[in-house]
N, C-alpha and C. Protein backbone atom coordinates (compact mmCIF):
# COMPACT_ATOMS: atom_id res chain seq x y z
N MET A 1 -6.57 12.81 -9.19
CA MET A 1 -7.42 12.07 -8.29
C MET A 1 -6.57 11.44 -7.19
N LEU A 2 -7.08 11.42 -5.98
CA LEU A 2 -6.37 10.86 -4.85
C LEU A 2 -6.59 9.35 -4.75
N PRO A 3 -5.59 8.63 -4.25
CA PRO A 3 -5.79 7.19 -4.06
C PRO A 3 -6.79 6.93 -2.94
N ALA A 4 -7.48 5.82 -3.03
CA ALA A 4 -8.41 5.42 -2.00
C ALA A 4 -7.63 4.98 -0.76
N VAL A 5 -8.26 5.12 0.38
CA VAL A 5 -7.61 4.75 1.64
C VAL A 5 -7.18 3.29 1.63
N HIS A 6 -8.03 2.40 1.13
CA HIS A 6 -7.64 0.98 1.13
C HIS A 6 -6.44 0.73 0.23
N GLN A 7 -6.28 1.50 -0.82
CA GLN A 7 -5.09 1.34 -1.67
C GLN A 7 -3.83 1.70 -0.89
N LEU A 8 -3.90 2.75 -0.09
CA LEU A 8 -2.75 3.12 0.73
C LEU A 8 -2.49 2.06 1.80
N ARG A 9 -3.54 1.51 2.38
CA ARG A 9 -3.36 0.44 3.38
C ARG A 9 -2.71 -0.79 2.74
N TYR A 10 -3.17 -1.13 1.56
CA TYR A 10 -2.60 -2.29 0.86
C TYR A 10 -1.14 -2.02 0.49
N PHE A 11 -0.86 -0.82 0.01
CA PHE A 11 0.52 -0.45 -0.33
C PHE A 11 1.41 -0.58 0.89
N LEU A 12 0.98 -0.03 2.01
CA LEU A 12 1.77 -0.07 3.23
C LEU A 12 1.99 -1.51 3.69
N ALA A 13 0.97 -2.33 3.61
CA ALA A 13 1.10 -3.74 4.02
C ALA A 13 2.12 -4.47 3.15
N VAL A 14 2.06 -4.27 1.85
CA VAL A 14 3.03 -4.93 0.96
C VAL A 14 4.44 -4.40 1.22
N ALA A 15 4.56 -3.09 1.40
CA ALA A 15 5.87 -2.49 1.66
C ALA A 15 6.47 -3.05 2.95
N GLU A 16 5.65 -3.20 3.98
CA GLU A 16 6.15 -3.67 5.26
C GLU A 16 6.38 -5.18 5.28
N ASP A 17 5.52 -5.93 4.60
CA ASP A 17 5.64 -7.39 4.60
C ASP A 17 6.61 -7.91 3.55
N GLY A 18 6.83 -7.15 2.49
CA GLY A 18 7.74 -7.58 1.43
C GLY A 18 7.19 -8.63 0.50
N GLN A 19 5.92 -8.99 0.69
CA GLN A 19 5.28 -10.00 -0.15
C GLN A 19 3.80 -9.69 -0.27
N PHE A 20 3.27 -9.88 -1.45
CA PHE A 20 1.84 -9.67 -1.66
C PHE A 20 1.01 -10.69 -0.88
N THR A 21 1.48 -11.94 -0.86
CA THR A 21 0.72 -12.99 -0.19
C THR A 21 0.65 -12.74 1.32
N ARG A 22 1.77 -12.42 1.92
CA ARG A 22 1.79 -12.16 3.36
C ARG A 22 0.96 -10.92 3.69
N ALA A 23 1.05 -9.89 2.85
CA ALA A 23 0.24 -8.68 3.08
C ALA A 23 -1.25 -9.03 3.03
N ALA A 24 -1.64 -9.86 2.08
CA ALA A 24 -3.04 -10.27 1.97
C ALA A 24 -3.49 -11.01 3.23
N GLU A 25 -2.62 -11.86 3.75
CA GLU A 25 -2.96 -12.58 4.98
C GLU A 25 -3.17 -11.61 6.13
N HIS A 26 -2.29 -10.63 6.28
CA HIS A 26 -2.43 -9.64 7.36
C HIS A 26 -3.68 -8.78 7.18
N LEU A 27 -4.00 -8.48 5.94
CA LEU A 27 -5.19 -7.67 5.65
C LEU A 27 -6.48 -8.49 5.67
N GLU A 28 -6.32 -9.81 5.69
CA GLU A 28 -7.45 -10.74 5.65
C GLU A 28 -8.30 -10.56 4.39
N VAL A 29 -7.58 -10.48 3.27
CA VAL A 29 -8.22 -10.41 1.94
C VAL A 29 -7.49 -11.38 1.03
N ALA A 30 -8.05 -11.63 -0.12
CA ALA A 30 -7.41 -12.50 -1.10
C ALA A 30 -6.24 -11.78 -1.76
N GLN A 31 -5.20 -12.54 -2.06
CA GLN A 31 -4.01 -11.95 -2.67
C GLN A 31 -4.30 -11.25 -3.99
N PRO A 32 -5.17 -11.80 -4.87
CA PRO A 32 -5.45 -11.08 -6.12
C PRO A 32 -6.05 -9.69 -5.88
N SER A 33 -6.78 -9.52 -4.79
CA SER A 33 -7.34 -8.21 -4.46
C SER A 33 -6.23 -7.21 -4.15
N VAL A 34 -5.23 -7.66 -3.41
CA VAL A 34 -4.09 -6.79 -3.09
C VAL A 34 -3.36 -6.41 -4.37
N SER A 35 -3.09 -7.39 -5.21
CA SER A 35 -2.39 -7.12 -6.48
C SER A 35 -3.17 -6.14 -7.34
N ALA A 36 -4.47 -6.33 -7.43
CA ALA A 36 -5.31 -5.45 -8.25
C ALA A 36 -5.29 -4.02 -7.73
N GLN A 37 -5.38 -3.86 -6.41
CA GLN A 37 -5.39 -2.51 -5.85
C GLN A 37 -4.03 -1.83 -6.01
N ILE A 38 -2.96 -2.58 -5.90
CA ILE A 38 -1.64 -1.99 -6.13
C ILE A 38 -1.49 -1.59 -7.58
N ARG A 39 -1.97 -2.42 -8.51
CA ARG A 39 -1.92 -2.06 -9.94
C ARG A 39 -2.72 -0.78 -10.19
N ARG A 40 -3.88 -0.67 -9.57
CA ARG A 40 -4.70 0.55 -9.74
C ARG A 40 -3.98 1.77 -9.19
N LEU A 41 -3.35 1.62 -8.03
CA LEU A 41 -2.61 2.74 -7.44
C LEU A 41 -1.45 3.13 -8.34
N GLU A 42 -0.73 2.14 -8.86
CA GLU A 42 0.38 2.44 -9.76
C GLU A 42 -0.12 3.12 -11.04
N ALA A 43 -1.26 2.70 -11.55
CA ALA A 43 -1.83 3.33 -12.75
C ALA A 43 -2.23 4.77 -12.44
N LEU A 44 -2.83 4.97 -11.28
CA LEU A 44 -3.24 6.31 -10.88
C LEU A 44 -2.04 7.25 -10.76
N LEU A 45 -0.96 6.74 -10.18
CA LEU A 45 0.23 7.56 -9.97
C LEU A 45 1.14 7.59 -11.20
N GLY A 46 0.90 6.66 -12.13
CA GLY A 46 1.67 6.64 -13.37
C GLY A 46 3.08 6.10 -13.23
N THR A 47 3.30 5.26 -12.22
CA THR A 47 4.64 4.71 -12.02
C THR A 47 4.57 3.45 -11.18
N PRO A 48 5.50 2.52 -11.40
CA PRO A 48 5.55 1.35 -10.53
C PRO A 48 6.00 1.75 -9.12
N LEU A 49 5.47 1.06 -8.14
CA LEU A 49 5.84 1.31 -6.74
C LEU A 49 6.74 0.22 -6.18
N PHE A 50 6.73 -0.94 -6.84
CA PHE A 50 7.51 -2.08 -6.37
C PHE A 50 8.31 -2.69 -7.50
N HIS A 51 9.50 -3.17 -7.15
CA HIS A 51 10.28 -4.04 -8.04
C HIS A 51 9.79 -5.44 -7.75
N ARG A 52 9.27 -6.12 -8.76
CA ARG A 52 8.77 -7.48 -8.59
C ARG A 52 9.75 -8.46 -9.21
N GLY A 53 9.92 -9.55 -8.56
CA GLY A 53 10.82 -10.57 -9.06
C GLY A 53 10.86 -11.71 -8.07
N PRO A 54 11.82 -12.59 -8.24
CA PRO A 54 11.92 -13.68 -7.27
C PRO A 54 12.28 -13.11 -5.89
N GLY A 55 11.72 -13.71 -4.89
CA GLY A 55 11.99 -13.23 -3.53
C GLY A 55 11.09 -12.07 -3.16
N PRO A 56 11.45 -11.38 -2.10
CA PRO A 56 10.60 -10.27 -1.63
C PRO A 56 10.55 -9.12 -2.64
N VAL A 57 9.42 -8.43 -2.67
CA VAL A 57 9.33 -7.23 -3.50
C VAL A 57 10.03 -6.10 -2.77
N THR A 58 10.58 -5.17 -3.53
CA THR A 58 11.23 -4.01 -2.94
C THR A 58 10.63 -2.75 -3.55
N LEU A 59 10.77 -1.66 -2.85
CA LEU A 59 10.21 -0.39 -3.31
C LEU A 59 11.06 0.24 -4.41
N THR A 60 10.39 0.83 -5.38
CA THR A 60 11.06 1.67 -6.36
C THR A 60 11.32 3.03 -5.70
N ASP A 61 11.95 3.94 -6.41
CA ASP A 61 12.13 5.29 -5.87
C ASP A 61 10.79 5.94 -5.56
N ALA A 62 9.81 5.73 -6.45
CA ALA A 62 8.47 6.28 -6.21
C ALA A 62 7.84 5.66 -4.97
N GLY A 63 8.03 4.36 -4.79
CA GLY A 63 7.52 3.69 -3.60
C GLY A 63 8.17 4.22 -2.34
N ASP A 64 9.48 4.47 -2.40
CA ASP A 64 10.19 5.06 -1.26
C ASP A 64 9.63 6.44 -0.91
N THR A 65 9.28 7.20 -1.94
CA THR A 65 8.71 8.53 -1.72
C THR A 65 7.32 8.43 -1.11
N LEU A 66 6.53 7.48 -1.60
CA LEU A 66 5.15 7.34 -1.11
C LEU A 66 5.08 6.79 0.30
N LEU A 67 6.01 5.94 0.69
CA LEU A 67 5.92 5.24 1.97
C LEU A 67 5.70 6.16 3.18
N PRO A 68 6.52 7.17 3.42
CA PRO A 68 6.26 8.02 4.59
C PRO A 68 4.96 8.83 4.47
N ILE A 69 4.60 9.16 3.26
CA ILE A 69 3.35 9.90 3.05
C ILE A 69 2.16 9.02 3.39
N ALA A 70 2.18 7.78 2.92
CA ALA A 70 1.10 6.83 3.21
C ALA A 70 0.99 6.60 4.71
N ARG A 71 2.12 6.43 5.37
CA ARG A 71 2.10 6.25 6.84
C ARG A 71 1.46 7.46 7.52
N ARG A 72 1.85 8.65 7.09
CA ARG A 72 1.33 9.87 7.70
C ARG A 72 -0.17 10.01 7.46
N VAL A 73 -0.62 9.77 6.23
CA VAL A 73 -2.04 9.88 5.90
C VAL A 73 -2.86 8.89 6.73
N LEU A 74 -2.41 7.64 6.80
CA LEU A 74 -3.15 6.63 7.55
C LEU A 74 -3.13 6.93 9.05
N ALA A 75 -2.03 7.46 9.56
CA ALA A 75 -1.97 7.85 10.97
C ALA A 75 -2.93 9.02 11.23
N ASP A 76 -2.98 9.97 10.32
CA ASP A 76 -3.90 11.11 10.47
C ASP A 76 -5.35 10.63 10.45
N LEU A 77 -5.67 9.69 9.58
CA LEU A 77 -7.04 9.16 9.54
C LEU A 77 -7.38 8.42 10.82
N ALA A 78 -6.42 7.70 11.38
CA ALA A 78 -6.65 7.02 12.65
C ALA A 78 -6.88 8.04 13.77
N SER A 79 -6.14 9.15 13.73
CA SER A 79 -6.33 10.22 14.73
C SER A 79 -7.72 10.83 14.62
N ILE A 80 -8.17 11.03 13.40
CA ILE A 80 -9.52 11.57 13.19
C ILE A 80 -10.55 10.64 13.82
N GLU A 81 -10.42 9.34 13.54
CA GLU A 81 -11.37 8.38 14.08
C GLU A 81 -11.34 8.39 15.60
N ASP A 82 -10.13 8.47 16.20
CA ASP A 82 -10.01 8.50 17.66
C ASP A 82 -10.63 9.76 18.26
N GLU A 83 -10.36 10.89 17.64
CA GLU A 83 -10.86 12.16 18.15
C GLU A 83 -12.39 12.24 18.08
N ILE A 84 -12.94 11.73 17.00
CA ILE A 84 -14.40 11.81 16.83
C ILE A 84 -15.10 10.79 17.73
N SER A 85 -14.45 9.68 17.99
CA SER A 85 -15.05 8.67 18.87
C SER A 85 -15.09 9.24 20.25
């Protein structure tokens, strides 16, 4: 099963912001929602995407692999929206 678009957006926001709280602020959603969607994405993929601990979160090897793919997928979806508009 493929991840939902919002899960990829949330993943990208956390990866770029380095914090779940800051990503939630940028996404204008509650932080628990971001955490829940990342947990679902990790469960779907069967691997952690972030190293969690004190300070900023960092990407695992799987997260590093997913990052350019997520960027590409979201950019392609934005292109579709632009072309159809």
